[in-house]
Amino acid sequence: MEDLRIRYYTPVTAGNPHVSGPGQPLPAKETAVTEAGKGAFRQALEDQLRQFSSVSFSKHAVNRAMERNLDLSEDNIARLNAGVRLAEEKNLADPLILVDKTAFLVNMKHNKVITTVDAEELRGNVFTNIDGTVII
């Protein structure tokens, strides 16, 4: 007798209904739209940061901000800038700047935000290689 389990087995995948089996990529058209959408959002975010911030953001920091849906409104950017000014007055080299429930690790030498962390990821984390914290 033939084993029908192997012949008629159809893998079940969770999540994307366009994927019919494990390891099969999305159709090229949908992948391009998704990547174009991410690129457009990233460009808009970078433009806003350049316009309102006196400190630049590394590519890593922009990616983290996008992944974590951080609130980078004009008000929060202004508060980040105030924190950077305070850190500069105290001659800090690598401060952690807390704006509400968001942390920004800034390299003052290059005037650049290195990474961002949201409230959920702040718990239980240890920040090393910082020389001060500014709470805004």
C-alpha atoms as a PDB file:
ATOM      1  CA  MET A   1       0.000   0.000   0.000  1.00  0.00           C
ATOM      2  CA  GLU A   2       1.259   3.493  -0.928  1.00  0.00           C
ATOM      3  CA  ASP A   3       2.049   5.971   1.861  1.00  0.00           C
ATOM      4  CA  LEU A   4      -0.279   8.920   1.078  1.00  0.00           C
ATOM      5  CA  ARG A   5       1.086  11.110   3.868  1.00  0.00           C
ATOM      6  CA  ILE A   6       4.173  11.963   1.830  1.00  0.00           C
ATOM      7  CA  ARG A   7       2.386  12.317  -1.492  1.00  0.00           C
ATOM      8  CA  TYR A   8      -0.340  14.683  -0.295  1.00  0.00           C
ATOM      9  CA  TYR A   9       1.528  16.591   2.369  1.00  0.00           C
ATOM     10  CA  THR A  10       1.199  20.336   1.893  1.00  0.00           C
ATOM     11  CA  PRO A  11       3.310  22.471   4.221  1.00  0.00           C
ATOM     12  CA  VAL A  12       1.421  25.046   6.250  1.00  0.00           C
ATOM     13  CA  THR A  13       3.073  28.426   6.712  1.00  0.00           C
ATOM     14  CA  ALA A  14       2.157  31.101   9.183  1.00  0.00           C
ATOM     15  CA  GLY A  15       2.019  34.734   8.313  1.00  0.00           C
ATOM     16  CA  ASN A  16       2.246  35.661   4.668  1.00  0.00           C
ATOM     17  CA  PRO A  17      -0.577  34.144   2.565  1.00  0.00           C
ATOM     18  CA  HIS A  18       1.482  34.625  -0.624  1.00  0.00           C
ATOM     19  CA  VAL A  19       4.034  32.038   0.413  1.00  0.00           C
ATOM     20  CA  SER A  20       2.900  28.514  -0.418  1.00  0.00           C
ATOM     21  CA  GLY A  21       5.785  26.599   1.054  1.00  0.00           C
ATOM     22  CA  PRO A  22       8.837  27.003   3.224  1.00  0.00           C
ATOM     23  CA  GLY A  23      11.706  28.851   1.667  1.00  0.00           C
ATOM     24  CA  GLN A  24       9.707  30.342  -1.210  1.00  0.00           C
ATOM     25  CA  PRO A  25      10.271  34.095  -1.536  1.00  0.00           C
ATOM     26  CA  LEU A  26       7.613  36.708  -2.146  1.00  0.00           C
ATOM     27  CA  PRO A  27       6.908  37.527  -5.766  1.00  0.00           C
ATOM     28  CA  ALA A  28       9.426  40.062  -7.093  1.00  0.00           C
ATOM     29  CA  LYS A  29       6.795  42.756  -7.661  1.00  0.00           C
ATOM     30  CA  GLU A  30       5.635  42.753  -4.016  1.00  0.00           C
ATOM     31  CA  THR A  31       9.184  42.689  -2.691  1.00  0.00           C
ATOM     32  CA  ALA A  32      10.051  45.712  -4.829  1.00  0.00           C
ATOM     33  CA  VAL A  33       7.031  47.646  -3.544  1.00  0.00           C
ATOM     34  CA  THR A  34       7.923  46.838   0.045  1.00  0.00           C
ATOM     35  CA  GLU A  35      11.549  47.862  -0.426  1.00  0.00           C
ATOM     36  CA  ALA A  36      10.515  51.029  -2.280  1.00  0.00           C
ATOM     37  CA  GLY A  37       8.118  51.887   0.551  1.00  0.00           C
ATOM     38  CA  LYS A  38      10.831  51.348   3.154  1.00  0.00           C
ATOM     39  CA  GLY A  39      13.256  53.427   1.129  1.00  0.00           C
ATOM     40  CA  ALA A  40      10.788  56.285   0.772  1.00  0.00           C
ATOM     41  CA  PHE A  41      10.018  56.227   4.497  1.00  0.00           C
ATOM     42  CA  ARG A  42      13.719  56.096   5.369  1.00  0.00           C
ATOM     43  CA  GLN A  43      14.405  59.052   3.070  1.00  0.00           C
ATOM     44  CA  ALA A  44      11.572  61.084   4.626  1.00  0.00           C
ATOM     45  CA  LEU A  45      12.825  60.256   8.121  1.00  0.00           C
ATOM     46  CA  GLU A  46      16.411  61.205   7.256  1.00  0.00           C
ATOM     47  CA  ASP A  47      15.218  64.474   5.678  1.00  0.00           C
ATOM     48  CA  GLN A  48      13.256  65.371   8.803  1.00  0.00           C
ATOM     49  CA  LEU A  49      16.214  64.537  11.037  1.00  0.00           C
ATOM     50  CA  ARG A  50      18.541  66.677   8.902  1.00  0.00           C
ATOM     51  CA  GLN A  51      16.096  69.576   8.960  1.00  0.00           C
ATOM     52  CA  PHE A  52      15.383  69.666  12.701  1.00  0.00           C
ATOM     53  CA  SER A  53      18.400  68.065  14.365  1.00  0.00           C
ATOM     54  CA  SER A  54      21.801  69.545  15.052  1.00  0.00           C
ATOM     55  CA  VAL A  55      23.121  66.008  15.503  1.00  0.00           C
ATOM     56  CA  SER A  56      23.219  63.487  12.655  1.00  0.00           C
ATOM     57  CA  PHE A  57      21.968  59.898  12.846  1.00  0.00           C
ATOM     58  CA  SER A  58      24.003  56.892  11.777  1.00  0.00           C
ATOM     59  CA  LYS A  59      22.470  54.428   9.349  1.00  0.00           C
ATOM     60  CA  HIS A  60      22.167  51.969  12.243  1.00  0.00           C
ATOM     61  CA  ALA A  61      20.300  54.525  14.383  1.00  0.00           C
ATOM     62  CA  VAL A  62      17.874  55.314  11.543  1.00  0.00           C
ATOM     63  CA  ASN A  63      17.215  51.590  11.048  1.00  0.00           C
ATOM     64  CA  ARG A  64      16.581  51.112  14.785  1.00  0.00           C
ATOM     65  CA  ALA A  65      14.247  54.107  14.879  1.00  0.00           C
ATOM     66  CA  MET A  66      12.259  52.670  11.974  1.00  0.00           C
ATOM     67  CA  GLU A  67      12.145  49.147  13.432  1.00  0.00           C
ATOM     68  CA  ARG A  68      11.044  50.389  16.839  1.00  0.00           C
ATOM     69  CA  ASN A  69       8.581  53.019  15.555  1.00  0.00           C
ATOM     70  CA  LEU A  70      10.161  55.689  17.718  1.00  0.00           C
ATOM     71  CA  ASP A  71       8.528  59.081  18.133  1.00  0.00           C
ATOM     72  CA  LEU A  72      10.926  61.414  16.344  1.00  0.00           C
ATOM     73  CA  SER A  73       8.619  64.395  16.247  1.00  0.00           C
ATOM     74  CA  GLU A  74       9.971  67.923  15.969  1.00  0.00           C
ATOM     75  CA  ASP A  75       9.478  68.379  19.739  1.00  0.00           C
ATOM     76  CA  ASN A  76      11.438  65.227  20.636  1.00  0.00           C
ATOM     77  CA  ILE A  77      14.233  66.148  18.221  1.00  0.00           C
ATOM     78  CA  ALA A  78      14.414  69.599  19.851  1.00  0.00           C
ATOM     79  CA  ARG A  79      14.688  67.916  23.255  1.00  0.00           C
ATOM     80  CA  LEU A  80      17.424  65.604  21.930  1.00  0.00           C
ATOM     81  CA  ASN A  81      19.300  68.680  20.662  1.00  0.00           C
ATOM     82  CA  ALA A  82      18.978  70.265  24.131  1.00  0.00           C
ATOM     83  CA  GLY A  83      20.412  67.079  25.650  1.00  0.00           C
ATOM     84  CA  VAL A  84      23.320  67.149  23.210  1.00  0.00           C
ATOM     85  CA  ARG A  85      24.043  70.779  24.179  1.00  0.00           C
ATOM     86  CA  LEU A  86      24.024  69.843  27.893  1.00  0.00           C
ATOM     87  CA  ALA A  87      26.363  66.920  27.229  1.00  0.00           C
ATOM     88  CA  GLU A  88      28.666  69.209  25.289  1.00  0.00           C
ATOM     89  CA  GLU A  89      28.742  71.727  28.164  1.00  0.00           C
ATOM     90  CA  LYS A  90      29.827  68.935  30.515  1.00  0.00           C
ATOM     91  CA  ASN A  91      32.470  67.698  28.039  1.00  0.00           C
ATOM     92  CA  LEU A  92      30.938  64.239  27.742  1.00  0.00           C
ATOM     93  CA  ALA A  93      32.329  62.085  24.946  1.00  0.00           C
ATOM     94  CA  ASP A  94      29.704  59.315  24.698  1.00  0.00           C
ATOM     95  CA  PRO A  95      26.544  60.258  26.620  1.00  0.00           C
ATOM     96  CA  LEU A  96      23.280  58.371  26.892  1.00  0.00           C
ATOM     97  CA  ILE A  97      20.483  60.884  26.376  1.00  0.00           C
ATOM     98  CA  LEU A  98      17.032  59.940  27.664  1.00  0.00           C
ATOM     99  CA  VAL A  99      14.079  61.712  26.081  1.00  0.00           C
ATOM    100  CA  ASP A 100      10.931  60.424  27.795  1.00  0.00           C
ATOM    101  CA  LYS A 101      11.082  56.658  27.241  1.00  0.00           C
ATOM    102  CA  THR A 102      13.603  56.699  24.406  1.00  0.00           C
ATOM    103  CA  ALA A 103      17.369  56.458  24.815  1.00  0.00           C
ATOM    104  CA  PHE A 104      19.863  57.873  22.329  1.00  0.00           C
ATOM    105  CA  LEU A 105      23.538  56.917  22.483  1.00  0.00           C
ATOM    106  CA  VAL A 106      25.509  59.835  21.031  1.00  0.00           C
ATOM    107  CA  ASN A 107      29.135  60.076  19.938  1.00  0.00           C
ATOM    108  CA  MET A 108      30.010  63.713  20.585  1.00  0.00           C
ATOM    109  CA  LYS A 109      33.281  63.622  18.643  1.00  0.00           C
ATOM    110  CA  HIS A 110      31.391  62.908  15.420  1.00  0.00           C
ATOM    111  CA  ASN A 111      28.161  64.643  16.565  1.00  0.00           C
ATOM    112  CA  LYS A 112      26.204  61.502  15.680  1.00  0.00           C
ATOM    113  CA  VAL A 113      23.497  59.362  17.275  1.00  0.00           C
ATOM    114  CA  ILE A 114      24.910  55.838  17.202  1.00  0.00           C
ATOM    115  CA  THR A 115      21.816  53.903  18.259  1.00  0.00           C
ATOM    116  CA  THR A 116      18.366  54.318  19.729  1.00  0.00           C
ATOM    117  CA  VAL A 117      16.509  52.167  22.242  1.00  0.00           C
ATOM    118  CA  ASP A 118      12.812  52.250  23.092  1.00  0.00           C
ATOM    119  CA  ALA A 119      11.174  51.813  26.501  1.00  0.00           C
ATOM    120  CA  GLU A 120      10.638  48.067  26.166  1.00  0.00           C
ATOM    121  CA  GLU A 121      14.301  47.403  25.432  1.00  0.00           C
ATOM    122  CA  LEU A 122      15.546  49.732  28.177  1.00  0.00           C
ATOM    123  CA  ARG A 123      14.503  47.303  30.905  1.00  0.00           C
ATOM    124  CA  GLY A 124      17.220  44.894  31.916  1.00  0.00           C
ATOM    125  CA  ASN A 125      19.855  46.441  29.662  1.00  0.00           C
ATOM    126  CA  VAL A 126      23.265  47.627  30.764  1.00  0.00           C
ATOM    127  CA  PHE A 127      24.820  50.485  28.837  1.00  0.00           C
ATOM    128  CA  THR A 128      28.599  50.380  28.762  1.00  0.00           C
ATOM    129  CA  ASN A 129      31.193  52.735  27.310  1.00  0.00           C
ATOM    130  CA  ILE A 130      29.203  55.835  28.209  1.00  0.00           C
ATOM    131  CA  ASP A 131      30.595  58.627  30.334  1.00  0.00           C
ATOM    132  CA  GLY A 132      27.370  60.284  31.394  1.00  0.00           C
ATOM    133  CA  THR A 133      23.604  60.329  31.134  1.00  0.00           C
ATOM    134  CA  VAL A 134      21.452  63.321  30.282  1.00  0.00           C
ATOM    135  CA  ILE A 135      17.760  63.099  31.157  1.00  0.00           C
ATOM    136  CA  ILE A 136      15.524  65.498  29.249  1.00  0.00           C
END
